[in-house]
Amino acid sequence: MSTIKVIEVLANSPGGFDQAAQEAVAQASKTVHNIKSIYIKEMNARVENGKITSYGVNAKISFELDG
């Protein structure tokens, strides 16, 4: 039996929601190992002068604990 832990990560990207989700995984990977899944809890976008300038996600990332 394994133990799974979930953390929440906020990430942004100028290139779209897919890139923001990838950035969330990249950020988490710096300190967390054995990442198993990502769940996008929320999406948002920043708008300036009528154009989207940045995409953001609030992601739940699950990973398996060692041991």
Protein backbone atom coordinates (compact mmCIF):
# COMPACT_ATOMS: atom_id res chain seq x y z
CA MET A 1 0.00 0.00 0.00
CA SER A 2 1.31 3.47 -0.83
CA THR A 3 0.67 6.88 0.66
CA ILE A 4 -0.28 9.73 -1.65
CA LYS A 5 0.02 13.39 -0.66
CA VAL A 6 -1.57 16.38 -2.44
CA ILE A 7 -0.17 19.91 -2.63
CA GLU A 8 -1.56 23.04 -4.28
CA VAL A 9 0.59 25.01 -6.71
CA LEU A 10 -0.10 28.32 -8.45
CA ALA A 11 1.61 28.82 -11.81
CA ASN A 12 1.52 31.31 -14.69
CA SER A 13 2.58 31.33 -18.32
CA PRO A 14 2.23 33.79 -21.21
CA GLY A 15 1.72 30.85 -23.59
CA GLY A 16 -1.56 29.31 -22.46
CA PHE A 17 -3.20 27.10 -19.87
CA ASP A 18 -1.28 23.99 -21.01
CA GLN A 19 2.02 25.75 -20.45
CA ALA A 20 0.85 27.05 -17.06
CA ALA A 21 -0.02 23.48 -16.02
CA GLN A 22 3.40 22.29 -17.21
CA GLU A 23 5.01 25.11 -15.19
CA ALA A 24 3.11 23.94 -12.09
CA VAL A 25 4.56 20.44 -12.51
CA ALA A 26 8.04 21.86 -13.17
CA GLN A 27 7.86 24.00 -10.01
CA ALA A 28 6.69 21.10 -7.88
CA SER A 29 9.33 18.77 -9.36
CA LYS A 30 12.09 20.94 -7.89
CA THR A 31 11.26 19.75 -4.36
CA VAL A 32 8.84 16.82 -4.78
CA HIS A 33 9.53 13.40 -6.30
CA ASN A 34 7.22 10.65 -7.55
CA ILE A 35 4.57 13.02 -8.96
CA LYS A 36 1.61 10.93 -10.12
CA SER A 37 -1.06 13.38 -11.30
CA ILE A 38 -2.19 16.97 -11.66
CA TYR A 39 -5.74 18.28 -11.24
CA ILE A 40 -6.49 21.79 -12.45
CA LYS A 41 -8.70 23.28 -9.76
CA GLU A 42 -9.00 26.75 -11.26
CA MET A 43 -7.95 28.68 -14.37
CA ASN A 44 -7.62 32.42 -14.81
CA ALA A 45 -6.16 34.93 -17.23
CA ARG A 46 -4.78 38.43 -16.89
CA VAL A 47 -6.01 40.96 -19.46
CA GLU A 48 -4.36 44.23 -20.50
CA ASN A 49 -5.62 46.54 -23.24
CA GLY A 50 -8.21 44.00 -24.34
CA LYS A 51 -5.71 41.15 -24.76
CA ILE A 52 -4.78 38.19 -22.58
CA THR A 53 -1.23 38.65 -21.34
CA SER A 54 -0.87 35.74 -18.90
CA TYR A 55 -2.62 32.46 -18.17
CA GLY A 56 -2.73 31.00 -14.67
CA VAL A 57 -3.72 27.76 -13.00
CA ASN A 58 -4.34 26.65 -9.45
CA ALA A 59 -3.30 23.01 -9.58
CA LYS A 60 -3.49 20.12 -7.13
CA ILE A 61 -0.50 17.85 -7.60
CA SER A 62 -0.42 14.37 -6.08
CA PHE A 63 2.73 12.42 -5.37
CA GLU A 64 3.65 9.14 -3.72
CA LEU A 65 5.64 9.30 -0.48
CA ASP A 66 8.80 7.23 -0.17
CA GLY A 67 8.89 4.47 2.30
